[in-house]
Amino acid sequence: MITRRLLCAGAAVAPFSVLAQESGARFPAAWLDGIRQEALRAGVDRATLDAALADIREVPKVMEQARNQPEFKMTWERYQGLVVSEERIKRGRALLAENRAAIERFAGPAGLPPQVAVALWGIESNYGTRLGDFEVVEALATLVHNNFRAKFFREQLIAALKILSQGHVGLHAMKGSWAGAMGQCQFIPTSFLAYAADGDGDGRKDIWTNKLDVFASIVNYLRKVGWRPGVRWGNEVSAGAQAGGGGRIVRPAGAGGPAYQTTENFKVILRWNQSDFFALAVGLLSDRIAA
């Protein structure tokens, strides 16, 4: 969703830590007033701002995470083993069987194989079991105030306040990663505003606890960014194969490893996360779940 490499480079291969998030210093009143005025101009109501900003404090753990991101180096073999694990495949098959009618309600009209939606659900949040435990507004405010990619995260902060104002989730239920990736599909706030969907028609887009909204949102994202019905993500091919059909050959382990002929729908998955490893994992996990 937009560019999310920073947000989830390691999310697919390691569980979110349960962190003791001690409160830090209060934000300066003048700085908070600037956020308030910008949010008001964006259409956020005063009651939401009063509740969200009244006792907001910096979260030291957020800056620890932001400043100490490990360099993401892993072999394709290791990555695939962790992300497309036998346990994740087994769980994905069970959950596809359990939720097939609900998923196909949204995936069918979009021409999306339901196993692709399940694979994304599984990789992003381990099927809704790992959502992150930071309060999103405080985490984003901490990043902005500390000038960590301030322009990007200020946009996310204003978007998060808009989501609260629209009534999709409560302030303290809006949990996510240190960088604001939220819910079972790990949308950043601007992606939520652009792509989240109300799957059950209750007027809310609850990607934290409502599976219908989660499935509808995943499908809506892929549909809006160009998913082509009837086209696979790709296939493994011989080492000497040449690219064709509008795709490219991806060799995640280098010249001596496996090769995959990818398609336009592989590019669509890359719109979700701009990593060949990630997109290949989604494709391979979806195939294993469906097998």
C-alpha atoms as a PDB file:
ATOM      1  CA  MET A   1       0.000   0.000   0.000  1.00  0.00           C
ATOM      2  CA  ILE A   2       1.815   2.925  -1.398  1.00  0.00           C
ATOM      3  CA  THR A   3       5.443   2.277  -0.356  1.00  0.00           C
ATOM      4  CA  ARG A   4       5.504   0.056   2.691  1.00  0.00           C
ATOM      5  CA  ARG A   5       8.953  -1.509   2.608  1.00  0.00           C
ATOM      6  CA  LEU A   6       9.938   0.468   5.711  1.00  0.00           C
ATOM      7  CA  LEU A   7       6.824  -0.645   7.534  1.00  0.00           C
ATOM      8  CA  CYS A   8       7.017  -4.373   7.050  1.00  0.00           C
ATOM      9  CA  ALA A   9      10.458  -5.453   5.874  1.00  0.00           C
ATOM     10  CA  GLY A  10      10.587  -7.951   8.713  1.00  0.00           C
ATOM     11  CA  ALA A  11       6.914  -8.228   9.625  1.00  0.00           C
ATOM     12  CA  ALA A  12       6.379 -11.352   7.583  1.00  0.00           C
ATOM     13  CA  VAL A  13       9.169 -13.302   9.235  1.00  0.00           C
ATOM     14  CA  ALA A  14       8.927 -12.403  12.915  1.00  0.00           C
ATOM     15  CA  PRO A  15       6.048 -11.909  15.369  1.00  0.00           C
ATOM     16  CA  PHE A  16       5.329  -8.494  16.753  1.00  0.00           C
ATOM     17  CA  SER A  17       6.885  -8.099  20.167  1.00  0.00           C
ATOM     18  CA  VAL A  18       4.681  -7.316  23.111  1.00  0.00           C
ATOM     19  CA  LEU A  19       6.418  -4.195  24.312  1.00  0.00           C
ATOM     20  CA  ALA A  20       6.160  -2.348  27.570  1.00  0.00           C
ATOM     21  CA  GLN A  21       5.276   1.083  26.239  1.00  0.00           C
ATOM     22  CA  GLU A  22       6.030   3.460  29.046  1.00  0.00           C
ATOM     23  CA  SER A  23       4.721   6.990  28.602  1.00  0.00           C
ATOM     24  CA  GLY A  24       7.196   9.650  27.626  1.00  0.00           C
ATOM     25  CA  ALA A  25       7.060  13.421  27.684  1.00  0.00           C
ATOM     26  CA  ARG A  26       4.036  15.430  26.673  1.00  0.00           C
ATOM     27  CA  PHE A  27       4.171  17.046  23.268  1.00  0.00           C
ATOM     28  CA  PRO A  28       4.638  20.833  23.194  1.00  0.00           C
ATOM     29  CA  ALA A  29       1.304  22.659  23.208  1.00  0.00           C
ATOM     30  CA  ALA A  30       2.232  24.809  20.209  1.00  0.00           C
ATOM     31  CA  TRP A  31       3.212  21.742  18.172  1.00  0.00           C
ATOM     32  CA  LEU A  32      -0.031  19.960  19.057  1.00  0.00           C
ATOM     33  CA  ASP A  33      -1.989  23.047  18.078  1.00  0.00           C
ATOM     34  CA  GLY A  34      -0.398  22.906  14.637  1.00  0.00           C
ATOM     35  CA  ILE A  35      -1.536  19.274  14.278  1.00  0.00           C
ATOM     36  CA  ARG A  36      -5.004  20.232  15.503  1.00  0.00           C
ATOM     37  CA  GLN A  37      -5.365  23.075  12.994  1.00  0.00           C
ATOM     38  CA  GLU A  38      -4.210  20.903  10.099  1.00  0.00           C
ATOM     39  CA  ALA A  39      -6.603  18.137  11.121  1.00  0.00           C
ATOM     40  CA  LEU A  40      -9.500  20.588  11.387  1.00  0.00           C
ATOM     41  CA  ARG A  41      -8.784  21.780   7.860  1.00  0.00           C
ATOM     42  CA  ALA A  42      -8.818  18.124   6.753  1.00  0.00           C
ATOM     43  CA  GLY A  43     -12.312  17.692   8.173  1.00  0.00           C
ATOM     44  CA  VAL A  44     -11.625  16.091  11.547  1.00  0.00           C
ATOM     45  CA  ASP A  45     -14.194  17.172  14.148  1.00  0.00           C
ATOM     46  CA  ARG A  46     -13.195  18.942  17.348  1.00  0.00           C
ATOM     47  CA  ALA A  47     -14.550  16.232  19.652  1.00  0.00           C
ATOM     48  CA  THR A  48     -12.298  13.640  18.039  1.00  0.00           C
ATOM     49  CA  LEU A  49      -9.298  15.936  18.350  1.00  0.00           C
ATOM     50  CA  ASP A  50     -10.080  16.701  21.976  1.00  0.00           C
ATOM     51  CA  ALA A  51     -10.177  12.989  22.796  1.00  0.00           C
ATOM     52  CA  ALA A  52      -7.152  12.002  20.695  1.00  0.00           C
ATOM     53  CA  LEU A  53      -4.802  14.850  21.641  1.00  0.00           C
ATOM     54  CA  ALA A  54      -5.818  15.705  25.217  1.00  0.00           C
ATOM     55  CA  ASP A  55      -3.335  13.493  27.051  1.00  0.00           C
ATOM     56  CA  ILE A  56      -1.131  12.332  24.206  1.00  0.00           C
ATOM     57  CA  ARG A  57       2.505  11.584  25.022  1.00  0.00           C
ATOM     58  CA  GLU A  58       5.605  10.456  23.217  1.00  0.00           C
ATOM     59  CA  VAL A  59       6.241   6.708  23.110  1.00  0.00           C
ATOM     60  CA  PRO A  60       9.984   6.057  23.609  1.00  0.00           C
ATOM     61  CA  LYS A  61       9.718   2.516  22.221  1.00  0.00           C
ATOM     62  CA  VAL A  62       8.601   3.929  18.871  1.00  0.00           C
ATOM     63  CA  MET A  63      11.834   5.831  18.375  1.00  0.00           C
ATOM     64  CA  GLU A  64      13.851   2.851  19.586  1.00  0.00           C
ATOM     65  CA  GLN A  65      12.214   0.772  16.869  1.00  0.00           C
ATOM     66  CA  ALA A  66      12.589   3.493  14.241  1.00  0.00           C
ATOM     67  CA  ARG A  67      16.268   4.134  14.918  1.00  0.00           C
ATOM     68  CA  ASN A  68      17.327   0.537  15.358  1.00  0.00           C
ATOM     69  CA  GLN A  69      15.777  -1.246  12.424  1.00  0.00           C
ATOM     70  CA  PRO A  70      17.974  -4.211  11.577  1.00  0.00           C
ATOM     71  CA  GLU A  71      19.274  -4.302   8.047  1.00  0.00           C
ATOM     72  CA  PHE A  72      17.028  -6.745   6.257  1.00  0.00           C
ATOM     73  CA  LYS A  73      19.389  -9.402   4.915  1.00  0.00           C
ATOM     74  CA  MET A  74      18.078 -12.909   4.424  1.00  0.00           C
ATOM     75  CA  THR A  75      18.498 -15.566   1.777  1.00  0.00           C
ATOM     76  CA  TRP A  76      15.495 -16.474  -0.327  1.00  0.00           C
ATOM     77  CA  GLU A  77      15.644 -20.032   1.011  1.00  0.00           C
ATOM     78  CA  ARG A  78      15.459 -18.810   4.603  1.00  0.00           C
ATOM     79  CA  TYR A  79      12.761 -16.232   3.860  1.00  0.00           C
ATOM     80  CA  GLN A  80      10.601 -18.717   1.991  1.00  0.00           C
ATOM     81  CA  GLY A  81      10.976 -21.277   4.757  1.00  0.00           C
ATOM     82  CA  LEU A  82       9.769 -18.797   7.358  1.00  0.00           C
ATOM     83  CA  VAL A  83       7.010 -17.064   5.414  1.00  0.00           C
ATOM     84  CA  VAL A  84       5.661 -19.995   3.384  1.00  0.00           C
ATOM     85  CA  SER A  85       5.955 -22.404   6.286  1.00  0.00           C
ATOM     86  CA  GLU A  86       4.094 -25.696   6.516  1.00  0.00           C
ATOM     87  CA  GLU A  87       2.208 -24.379   9.538  1.00  0.00           C
ATOM     88  CA  ARG A  88       1.093 -21.270   7.647  1.00  0.00           C
ATOM     89  CA  ILE A  89       0.047 -23.381   4.656  1.00  0.00           C
ATOM     90  CA  LYS A  90      -1.924 -25.773   6.873  1.00  0.00           C
ATOM     91  CA  ARG A  91      -3.620 -22.926   8.737  1.00  0.00           C
ATOM     92  CA  GLY A  92      -4.362 -21.119   5.479  1.00  0.00           C
ATOM     93  CA  ARG A  93      -6.087 -24.159   4.022  1.00  0.00           C
ATOM     94  CA  ALA A  94      -8.240 -24.550   7.127  1.00  0.00           C
ATOM     95  CA  LEU A  95      -9.187 -20.872   7.174  1.00  0.00           C
ATOM     96  CA  LEU A  96      -9.955 -20.828   3.453  1.00  0.00           C
ATOM     97  CA  ALA A  97     -12.317 -23.769   3.931  1.00  0.00           C
ATOM     98  CA  GLU A  98     -13.888 -22.102   6.968  1.00  0.00           C
ATOM     99  CA  ASN A  99     -14.308 -18.682   5.318  1.00  0.00           C
ATOM    100  CA  ARG A 100     -14.628 -19.545   1.622  1.00  0.00           C
ATOM    101  CA  ALA A 101     -18.173 -18.237   1.187  1.00  0.00           C
ATOM    102  CA  ALA A 102     -17.326 -14.941   2.894  1.00  0.00           C
ATOM    103  CA  ILE A 103     -14.133 -14.436   0.901  1.00  0.00           C
ATOM    104  CA  GLU A 104     -15.684 -15.387  -2.447  1.00  0.00           C
ATOM    105  CA  ARG A 105     -18.499 -12.905  -1.814  1.00  0.00           C
ATOM    106  CA  PHE A 106     -15.907 -10.193  -2.487  1.00  0.00           C
ATOM    107  CA  ALA A 107     -13.226 -12.030  -4.460  1.00  0.00           C
ATOM    108  CA  GLY A 108     -15.594 -13.591  -6.995  1.00  0.00           C
ATOM    109  CA  PRO A 109     -16.826 -10.348  -8.606  1.00  0.00           C
ATOM    110  CA  ALA A 110     -13.233  -9.051  -8.681  1.00  0.00           C
ATOM    111  CA  GLY A 111     -11.919 -12.172 -10.395  1.00  0.00           C
ATOM    112  CA  LEU A 112      -9.483 -12.731  -7.530  1.00  0.00           C
ATOM    113  CA  PRO A 113      -8.664 -16.289  -6.458  1.00  0.00           C
ATOM    114  CA  PRO A 114      -9.723 -16.490  -2.788  1.00  0.00           C
ATOM    115  CA  GLN A 115      -6.430 -18.119  -1.831  1.00  0.00           C
ATOM    116  CA  VAL A 116      -4.589 -14.918  -2.795  1.00  0.00           C
ATOM    117  CA  ALA A 117      -6.615 -12.946  -0.247  1.00  0.00           C
ATOM    118  CA  VAL A 118      -5.918 -15.622   2.371  1.00  0.00           C
ATOM    119  CA  ALA A 119      -2.177 -15.559   1.596  1.00  0.00           C
ATOM    120  CA  LEU A 120      -1.994 -11.799   2.103  1.00  0.00           C
ATOM    121  CA  TRP A 121      -3.975 -12.129   5.337  1.00  0.00           C
ATOM    122  CA  GLY A 122      -1.593 -14.819   6.518  1.00  0.00           C
ATOM    123  CA  ILE A 123       1.629 -13.007   5.682  1.00  0.00           C
ATOM    124  CA  GLU A 124       0.557  -9.605   6.975  1.00  0.00           C
ATOM    125  CA  SER A 125      -0.855 -10.603  10.366  1.00  0.00           C
ATOM    126  CA  ASN A 126      -0.583 -14.389  10.633  1.00  0.00           C
ATOM    127  CA  TYR A 127      -4.306 -14.614   9.952  1.00  0.00           C
ATOM    128  CA  GLY A 128      -5.276 -11.841  12.312  1.00  0.00           C
ATOM    129  CA  THR A 129      -3.218 -12.936  15.318  1.00  0.00           C
ATOM    130  CA  ARG A 130      -0.413 -10.331  15.106  1.00  0.00           C
ATOM    131  CA  LEU A 131      -1.698  -6.800  14.711  1.00  0.00           C
ATOM    132  CA  GLY A 132       0.886  -4.764  16.589  1.00  0.00           C
ATOM    133  CA  ASP A 133       0.355  -3.281  20.028  1.00  0.00           C
ATOM    134  CA  PHE A 134       1.137   0.423  19.612  1.00  0.00           C
ATOM    135  CA  GLU A 135      -1.598   3.038  19.816  1.00  0.00           C
ATOM    136  CA  VAL A 136      -1.411   4.419  16.316  1.00  0.00           C
ATOM    137  CA  VAL A 137      -2.027   8.117  17.002  1.00  0.00           C
ATOM    138  CA  GLU A 138       0.625   8.295  19.718  1.00  0.00           C
ATOM    139  CA  ALA A 139       3.114   6.304  17.635  1.00  0.00           C
ATOM    140  CA  LEU A 140       2.680   8.490  14.557  1.00  0.00           C
ATOM    141  CA  ALA A 141       2.823  11.694  16.589  1.00  0.00           C
ATOM    142  CA  THR A 142       6.066  10.489  18.147  1.00  0.00           C
ATOM    143  CA  LEU A 143       7.623   9.906  14.712  1.00  0.00           C
ATOM    144  CA  VAL A 144       6.499  13.292  13.397  1.00  0.00           C
ATOM    145  CA  HIS A 145       7.653  15.239  16.438  1.00  0.00           C
ATOM    146  CA  ASN A 146      11.066  13.575  16.265  1.00  0.00           C
ATOM    147  CA  ASN A 147      11.364  14.482  12.580  1.00  0.00           C
ATOM    148  CA  PHE A 148      11.548  10.854  11.455  1.00  0.00           C
ATOM    149  CA  ARG A 149      10.289  10.954   7.853  1.00  0.00           C
ATOM    150  CA  ALA A 150       8.134  13.766   9.181  1.00  0.00           C
ATOM    151  CA  LYS A 151       6.301  14.641   5.963  1.00  0.00           C
ATOM    152  CA  PHE A 152       5.218  11.050   5.337  1.00  0.00           C
ATOM    153  CA  PHE A 153       4.244  10.300   8.917  1.00  0.00           C
ATOM    154  CA  ARG A 154       2.459  13.653   9.380  1.00  0.00           C
ATOM    155  CA  GLU A 155       0.235  12.655   6.458  1.00  0.00           C
ATOM    156  CA  GLN A 156      -0.380   9.314   8.179  1.00  0.00           C
ATOM    157  CA  LEU A 157      -1.195  11.038  11.476  1.00  0.00           C
ATOM    158  CA  ILE A 158      -3.799  13.314   9.892  1.00  0.00           C
ATOM    159  CA  ALA A 159      -5.257  10.307   8.079  1.00  0.00           C
ATOM    160  CA  ALA A 160      -5.429   8.344  11.350  1.00  0.00           C
ATOM    161  CA  LEU A 161      -7.350  11.204  12.979  1.00  0.00           C
ATOM    162  CA  LYS A 162      -9.750  11.223  10.021  1.00  0.00           C
ATOM    163  CA  ILE A 163     -10.362   7.486  10.497  1.00  0.00           C
ATOM    164  CA  LEU A 164     -11.242   8.101  14.141  1.00  0.00           C
ATOM    165  CA  SER A 165     -13.481  11.014  13.170  1.00  0.00           C
ATOM    166  CA  GLN A 166     -15.357   8.788  10.724  1.00  0.00           C
ATOM    167  CA  GLY A 167     -16.115   6.322  13.514  1.00  0.00           C
ATOM    168  CA  HIS A 168     -14.489   3.183  12.114  1.00  0.00           C
ATOM    169  CA  VAL A 169     -12.582   2.357  15.311  1.00  0.00           C
ATOM    170  CA  GLY A 170     -12.133   3.697  18.819  1.00  0.00           C
ATOM    171  CA  LEU A 171      -9.032   5.607  19.829  1.00  0.00           C
ATOM    172  CA  HIS A 172      -7.574   2.914  22.073  1.00  0.00           C
ATOM    173  CA  ALA A 173      -8.655   0.097  19.745  1.00  0.00           C
ATOM    174  CA  MET A 174      -6.676   1.640  16.869  1.00  0.00           C
ATOM    175  CA  LYS A 175      -3.599  -0.521  17.397  1.00  0.00           C
ATOM    176  CA  GLY A 176      -0.801  -1.198  14.957  1.00  0.00           C
ATOM    177  CA  SER A 177       2.921  -1.369  14.392  1.00  0.00           C
ATOM    178  CA  TRP A 178       5.377   1.313  15.541  1.00  0.00           C
ATOM    179  CA  ALA A 179       5.037   2.819  12.051  1.00  0.00           C
ATOM    180  CA  GLY A 180       1.237   2.831  11.963  1.00  0.00           C
ATOM    181  CA  ALA A 181       0.453  -0.293   9.913  1.00  0.00           C
ATOM    182  CA  MET A 182      -2.955  -1.288  11.246  1.00  0.00           C
ATOM    183  CA  GLY A 183      -5.285  -4.213  11.596  1.00  0.00           C
ATOM    184  CA  GLN A 184      -5.377  -7.678  10.084  1.00  0.00           C
ATOM    185  CA  CYS A 185      -4.314  -6.432   6.654  1.00  0.00           C
ATOM    186  CA  GLN A 186      -1.786  -3.933   8.047  1.00  0.00           C
ATOM    187  CA  PHE A 187      -2.962  -0.878   6.111  1.00  0.00           C
ATOM    188  CA  ILE A 188      -1.237   2.389   6.821  1.00  0.00           C
ATOM    189  CA  PRO A 189      -3.797   5.165   7.475  1.00  0.00           C
ATOM    190  CA  THR A 190      -3.718   6.708   3.989  1.00  0.00           C
ATOM    191  CA  SER A 191      -4.191   3.257   2.466  1.00  0.00           C
ATOM    192  CA  PHE A 192      -7.086   2.658   4.835  1.00  0.00           C
ATOM    193  CA  LEU A 193      -8.792   5.812   3.586  1.00  0.00           C
ATOM    194  CA  ALA A 194      -8.180   4.821  -0.036  1.00  0.00           C
ATOM    195  CA  TYR A 195      -8.921   1.092   0.066  1.00  0.00           C
ATOM    196  CA  ALA A 196     -10.608  -0.132   3.261  1.00  0.00           C
ATOM    197  CA  ALA A 197     -14.116  -1.481   2.649  1.00  0.00           C
ATOM    198  CA  ASP A 198     -17.254  -2.116   4.690  1.00  0.00           C
ATOM    199  CA  GLY A 199     -17.847  -5.815   4.148  1.00  0.00           C
ATOM    200  CA  ASP A 200     -20.923  -6.275   6.324  1.00  0.00           C
ATOM    201  CA  GLY A 201     -22.722  -3.016   5.611  1.00  0.00           C
ATOM    202  CA  ASP A 202     -22.694  -1.675   9.167  1.00  0.00           C
ATOM    203  CA  GLY A 203     -21.186   1.659   8.113  1.00  0.00           C
ATOM    204  CA  ARG A 204     -17.777   0.929   9.657  1.00  0.00           C
ATOM    205  CA  LYS A 205     -14.573  -0.386   8.117  1.00  0.00           C
ATOM    206  CA  ASP A 206     -13.209  -2.472  10.959  1.00  0.00           C
ATOM    207  CA  ILE A 207     -10.011  -4.168   9.786  1.00  0.00           C
ATOM    208  CA  TRP A 208      -9.107  -4.998  13.391  1.00  0.00           C
ATOM    209  CA  THR A 209     -11.884  -7.375  14.454  1.00  0.00           C
ATOM    210  CA  ASN A 210     -14.320  -7.847  11.550  1.00  0.00           C
ATOM    211  CA  LYS A 211     -13.253 -10.553   9.084  1.00  0.00           C
ATOM    212  CA  LEU A 212     -15.806  -9.477   6.471  1.00  0.00           C
ATOM    213  CA  ASP A 213     -14.279  -6.001   6.456  1.00  0.00           C
ATOM    214  CA  VAL A 214     -10.780  -7.506   6.313  1.00  0.00           C
ATOM    215  CA  PHE A 215     -11.609  -9.701   3.303  1.00  0.00           C
ATOM    216  CA  ALA A 216     -13.490  -6.903   1.546  1.00  0.00           C
ATOM    217  CA  SER A 217     -10.575  -4.508   2.113  1.00  0.00           C
ATOM    218  CA  ILE A 218      -7.904  -6.887   0.795  1.00  0.00           C
ATOM    219  CA  VAL A 219      -9.935  -7.580  -2.329  1.00  0.00           C
ATOM    220  CA  ASN A 220     -10.806  -3.909  -2.815  1.00  0.00           C
ATOM    221  CA  TYR A 221      -7.148  -2.935  -2.641  1.00  0.00           C
ATOM    222  CA  LEU A 222      -6.062  -5.458  -5.286  1.00  0.00           C
ATOM    223  CA  ARG A 223      -9.023  -4.638  -7.512  1.00  0.00           C
ATOM    224  CA  LYS A 224      -8.383  -0.908  -7.384  1.00  0.00           C
ATOM    225  CA  VAL A 225      -4.676  -1.204  -8.159  1.00  0.00           C
ATOM    226  CA  GLY A 226      -5.303  -3.298 -11.245  1.00  0.00           C
ATOM    227  CA  TRP A 227      -5.814  -7.009 -10.558  1.00  0.00           C
ATOM    228  CA  ARG A 228      -6.507  -8.819 -13.842  1.00  0.00           C
ATOM    229  CA  PRO A 229      -9.074 -11.644 -13.581  1.00  0.00           C
ATOM    230  CA  GLY A 230      -7.963 -14.969 -15.018  1.00  0.00           C
ATOM    231  CA  VAL A 231      -4.243 -14.152 -14.861  1.00  0.00           C
ATOM    232  CA  ARG A 232      -1.926 -15.968 -12.481  1.00  0.00           C
ATOM    233  CA  TRP A 233       0.794 -14.190 -10.518  1.00  0.00           C
ATOM    234  CA  GLY A 234       3.439 -16.337 -12.234  1.00  0.00           C
ATOM    235  CA  ASN A 235       5.022 -19.771 -12.426  1.00  0.00           C
ATOM    236  CA  GLU A 236       8.375 -21.385 -11.781  1.00  0.00           C
ATOM    237  CA  VAL A 237      10.297 -21.865 -15.027  1.00  0.00           C
ATOM    238  CA  SER A 238      13.617 -23.306 -16.155  1.00  0.00           C
ATOM    239  CA  ALA A 239      16.748 -21.386 -15.297  1.00  0.00           C
ATOM    240  CA  GLY A 240      17.308 -20.280 -18.884  1.00  0.00           C
ATOM    241  CA  ALA A 241      13.782 -19.011 -19.543  1.00  0.00           C
ATOM    242  CA  GLN A 242      13.264 -15.566 -21.045  1.00  0.00           C
ATOM    243  CA  ALA A 243      10.703 -13.023 -19.923  1.00  0.00           C
ATOM    244  CA  GLY A 244       7.536 -12.605 -21.931  1.00  0.00           C
ATOM    245  CA  GLY A 245       3.881 -11.646 -21.782  1.00  0.00           C
ATOM    246  CA  GLY A 246       4.396  -8.312 -20.079  1.00  0.00           C
ATOM    247  CA  GLY A 247       6.139  -9.802 -17.046  1.00  0.00           C
ATOM    248  CA  ARG A 248       9.711 -10.506 -16.044  1.00  0.00           C
ATOM    249  CA  ILE A 249      11.839 -13.349 -14.781  1.00  0.00           C
ATOM    250  CA  VAL A 250      12.526 -13.097 -11.061  1.00  0.00           C
ATOM    251  CA  ARG A 251      15.481 -15.020  -9.632  1.00  0.00           C
ATOM    252  CA  PRO A 252      15.264 -14.469  -5.860  1.00  0.00           C
ATOM    253  CA  ALA A 253      18.348 -16.572  -5.057  1.00  0.00           C
ATOM    254  CA  GLY A 254      20.474 -15.338  -7.948  1.00  0.00           C
ATOM    255  CA  ALA A 255      21.531 -17.019 -11.163  1.00  0.00           C
ATOM    256  CA  GLY A 256      21.923 -20.475  -9.650  1.00  0.00           C
ATOM    257  CA  GLY A 257      18.543 -20.616  -7.930  1.00  0.00           C
ATOM    258  CA  PRO A 258      14.900 -20.976  -8.948  1.00  0.00           C
ATOM    259  CA  ALA A 259      13.399 -18.695 -11.591  1.00  0.00           C
ATOM    260  CA  TYR A 260       9.829 -17.434 -11.834  1.00  0.00           C
ATOM    261  CA  GLN A 261       8.066 -16.036 -14.880  1.00  0.00           C
ATOM    262  CA  THR A 262       5.862 -13.284 -13.428  1.00  0.00           C
ATOM    263  CA  THR A 263       2.838 -11.478 -14.831  1.00  0.00           C
ATOM    264  CA  GLU A 264       1.014  -8.190 -14.532  1.00  0.00           C
ATOM    265  CA  ASN A 265      -0.643  -9.502 -11.369  1.00  0.00           C
ATOM    266  CA  PHE A 266       2.772  -9.933  -9.768  1.00  0.00           C
ATOM    267  CA  LYS A 267       3.203  -6.193 -10.322  1.00  0.00           C
ATOM    268  CA  VAL A 268      -0.144  -5.673  -8.569  1.00  0.00           C
ATOM    269  CA  ILE A 269       1.099  -7.581  -5.510  1.00  0.00           C
ATOM    270  CA  LEU A 270       4.219  -5.398  -5.597  1.00  0.00           C
ATOM    271  CA  ARG A 271       1.942  -2.371  -5.222  1.00  0.00           C
ATOM    272  CA  TRP A 272       1.091  -3.801  -1.792  1.00  0.00           C
ATOM    273  CA  ASN A 273       4.739  -4.236  -0.814  1.00  0.00           C
ATOM    274  CA  GLN A 274       7.634  -3.373  -3.116  1.00  0.00           C
ATOM    275  CA  SER A 275       9.668  -6.493  -2.420  1.00  0.00           C
ATOM    276  CA  ASP A 276      10.140  -9.382  -4.842  1.00  0.00           C
ATOM    277  CA  PHE A 277      10.546 -11.707  -1.864  1.00  0.00           C
ATOM    278  CA  PHE A 278       7.189 -10.590  -0.476  1.00  0.00           C
ATOM    279  CA  ALA A 279       5.329 -10.850  -3.787  1.00  0.00           C
ATOM    280  CA  LEU A 280       6.798 -14.283  -4.524  1.00  0.00           C
ATOM    281  CA  ALA A 281       5.845 -15.454  -1.042  1.00  0.00           C
ATOM    282  CA  VAL A 282       2.248 -14.311  -1.584  1.00  0.00           C
ATOM    283  CA  GLY A 283       2.089 -16.165  -4.889  1.00  0.00           C
ATOM    284  CA  LEU A 284       3.684 -19.354  -3.608  1.00  0.00           C
ATOM    285  CA  LEU A 285       1.673 -19.401  -0.382  1.00  0.00           C
ATOM    286  CA  SER A 286      -1.548 -18.880  -2.306  1.00  0.00           C
ATOM    287  CA  ASP A 287      -0.659 -21.815  -4.605  1.00  0.00           C
ATOM    288  CA  ARG A 288       0.139 -24.083  -1.659  1.00  0.00           C
ATOM    289  CA  ILE A 289      -3.061 -23.127   0.137  1.00  0.00           C
ATOM    290  CA  ALA A 290      -5.097 -23.929  -2.976  1.00  0.00           C
ATOM    291  CA  ALA A 291      -3.290 -27.185  -3.753  1.00  0.00           C
END
